[in-house]
Protein backbone atom coordinates (compact mmCIF):
# COMPACT_ATOMS: atom_id res chain seq x y z
CA MET A 1 6.21 15.55 26.76
CA SER A 2 6.56 19.24 26.57
CA ASN A 3 5.73 21.24 24.03
CA GLN A 4 9.28 22.47 23.20
CA SER A 5 10.71 18.44 23.31
CA ASN A 6 7.96 17.46 20.43
CA LEU A 7 9.62 20.34 18.09
CA LYS A 8 12.85 19.02 18.89
CA GLU A 9 11.67 15.71 17.57
CA TYR A 10 11.15 17.65 14.38
CA GLY A 11 14.04 19.68 13.63
CA ILE A 12 12.98 22.83 14.78
CA LEU A 13 15.50 24.41 16.22
CA LEU A 14 14.18 27.45 18.18
CA SER A 15 10.42 27.96 20.22
CA ALA A 16 8.57 31.74 19.57
CA ILE A 17 9.32 32.77 23.10
CA GLU A 18 13.39 31.71 22.05
CA VAL A 19 12.99 33.86 19.11
CA HIS A 20 11.28 36.64 21.07
CA GLY A 21 13.55 36.68 23.49
CA LYS A 22 17.19 36.74 21.77
CA GLU A 23 18.65 40.09 22.18
CA PHE A 24 21.24 40.81 19.35
CA SER A 25 24.19 43.16 19.90
CA SER A 26 24.56 46.63 17.71
CA ARG A 27 27.38 48.55 15.89
CA MET A 28 27.87 51.49 13.91
CA ARG A 29 27.21 49.96 10.96
CA GLY A 30 24.65 47.43 11.73
CA TYR A 31 21.06 47.27 10.66
CA ASP A 32 18.10 48.96 11.62
CA ALA A 33 16.65 47.53 15.06
CA ASP A 34 13.04 48.29 14.45
CA GLU A 35 13.22 46.81 11.13
CA VAL A 36 15.08 43.59 12.69
CA ASN A 37 12.20 43.65 15.96
CA HIS A 38 9.15 44.07 13.20
CA PHE A 39 10.43 41.17 10.88
CA LEU A 40 11.04 38.70 14.31
CA ASP A 41 7.50 39.85 15.14
CA GLN A 42 6.33 38.33 12.10
CA ILE A 43 8.69 34.96 12.81
CA ILE A 44 7.51 34.30 16.02
CA LYS A 45 4.06 34.67 14.77
CA ASP A 46 4.84 31.24 12.20
CA TYR A 47 5.87 29.86 15.03
CA GLN A 48 3.07 30.18 17.25
CA ALA A 49 1.14 28.86 14.34
CA PHE A 50 3.30 26.38 13.74
CA GLU A 51 2.77 25.43 17.36
CA HIS A 52 -0.52 24.82 17.08
CA VAL A 53 -0.93 23.29 13.90
CA ILE A 54 1.64 20.65 15.33
CA ALA A 55 -0.07 20.13 18.13
CA ASP A 56 -3.43 19.75 16.26
CA LEU A 57 -1.85 17.43 14.09
CA GLU A 58 -1.14 15.30 17.43
CA LYS A 59 -3.85 15.48 18.54
CA GLU A 60 -5.46 14.38 15.74
CA ASN A 61 -3.03 11.49 15.24
CA LYS A 62 -3.66 10.14 18.74
CA GLU A 63 -6.93 10.36 17.43
CA LEU A 64 -7.03 8.39 15.14
CA LYS A 65 -4.39 5.50 16.23
CA HIS A 66 -6.69 5.22 19.00
CA LYS A 67 -10.21 4.81 16.75
CA LEU A 68 -8.09 2.36 14.67
CA ASN A 69 -7.10 0.44 17.50
CA GLN A 70 -10.74 0.42 18.78
CA SER A 71 -11.93 -1.29 15.35
CA ALA A 72 -8.89 -3.18 14.29
CA PRO A 73 -10.09 -6.40 16.02
CA SER A 74 -13.91 -6.12 15.16
CA ALA A 75 -13.02 -6.05 12.13
CA ALA A 76 -13.72 -9.61 9.78
CA PRO A 77 -10.91 -11.22 7.83
CA VAL A 78 -11.26 -11.13 4.08
CA SER A 79 -11.16 -14.44 2.46
CA LEU A 80 -8.80 -14.79 -0.07
CA SER A 81 -9.86 -17.96 -1.26
CA ALA A 82 -10.63 -19.64 -4.38
CA ALA A 83 -14.38 -19.25 -5.74
CA VAL A 84 -16.10 -22.04 -6.04
CA PRO A 85 -17.27 -23.29 -9.80
CA GLY A 86 -20.35 -23.46 -10.31
CA SER A 87 -21.05 -20.81 -7.48
CA GLY A 88 -22.39 -16.97 -8.18
CA GLN A 89 -19.17 -15.87 -7.70
CA SER A 90 -17.37 -17.45 -10.31
CA GLN A 91 -20.26 -17.30 -12.94
CA GLN A 92 -19.64 -12.97 -12.31
CA LEU A 93 -15.99 -13.67 -12.52
CA GLU A 94 -16.68 -15.38 -16.16
CA ASP A 95 -18.81 -13.06 -17.43
CA LEU A 96 -16.66 -9.78 -16.23
CA LEU A 97 -13.16 -11.98 -18.61
CA ASN A 98 -15.87 -12.33 -20.98
CA ARG A 99 -16.24 -8.04 -21.06
CA VAL A 100 -12.93 -6.93 -21.28
CA ARG A 101 -12.21 -9.99 -24.02
CA ASP A 102 -14.95 -8.33 -26.07
CA LEU A 103 -14.02 -4.69 -24.98
CA GLU A 104 -9.93 -6.19 -26.19
CA PHE A 105 -11.80 -6.60 -29.52
CA HIS A 106 -13.22 -3.61 -30.00
CA CYS A 107 -10.28 -1.84 -29.31
CA TRP A 108 -7.76 -3.45 -30.83
CA GLY A 109 -9.33 -6.07 -33.20
CA ARG A 110 -7.74 -8.51 -31.50
CA THR A 111 -7.95 -10.13 -27.71
CA LYS A 112 -4.57 -9.57 -25.84
CA GLY A 113 -2.32 -12.37 -24.17
């Protein structure tokens, strides 16, 4: 896929080359051609910078997707099952709930809910 077609995907209508190649007709009381050319030169530089930024971001995005795909199969599934009563995890949960109740009482003078 060419860089220009990538830009079109983002809704960018003109490339730096198209801006640079644009010819304007002159009229008797038209704009100062040197001023317009200077401004267009600035626009061209911006477009070139945007094209580089987009290319860099696309490359980074591709690399990150590749890394994600590489690490996804090796990731262990997380168990969402309830803690077994009497286990250490269940005791920790109970301790945390008690601490929350104590904090609520200290802050509001009562427990919530």
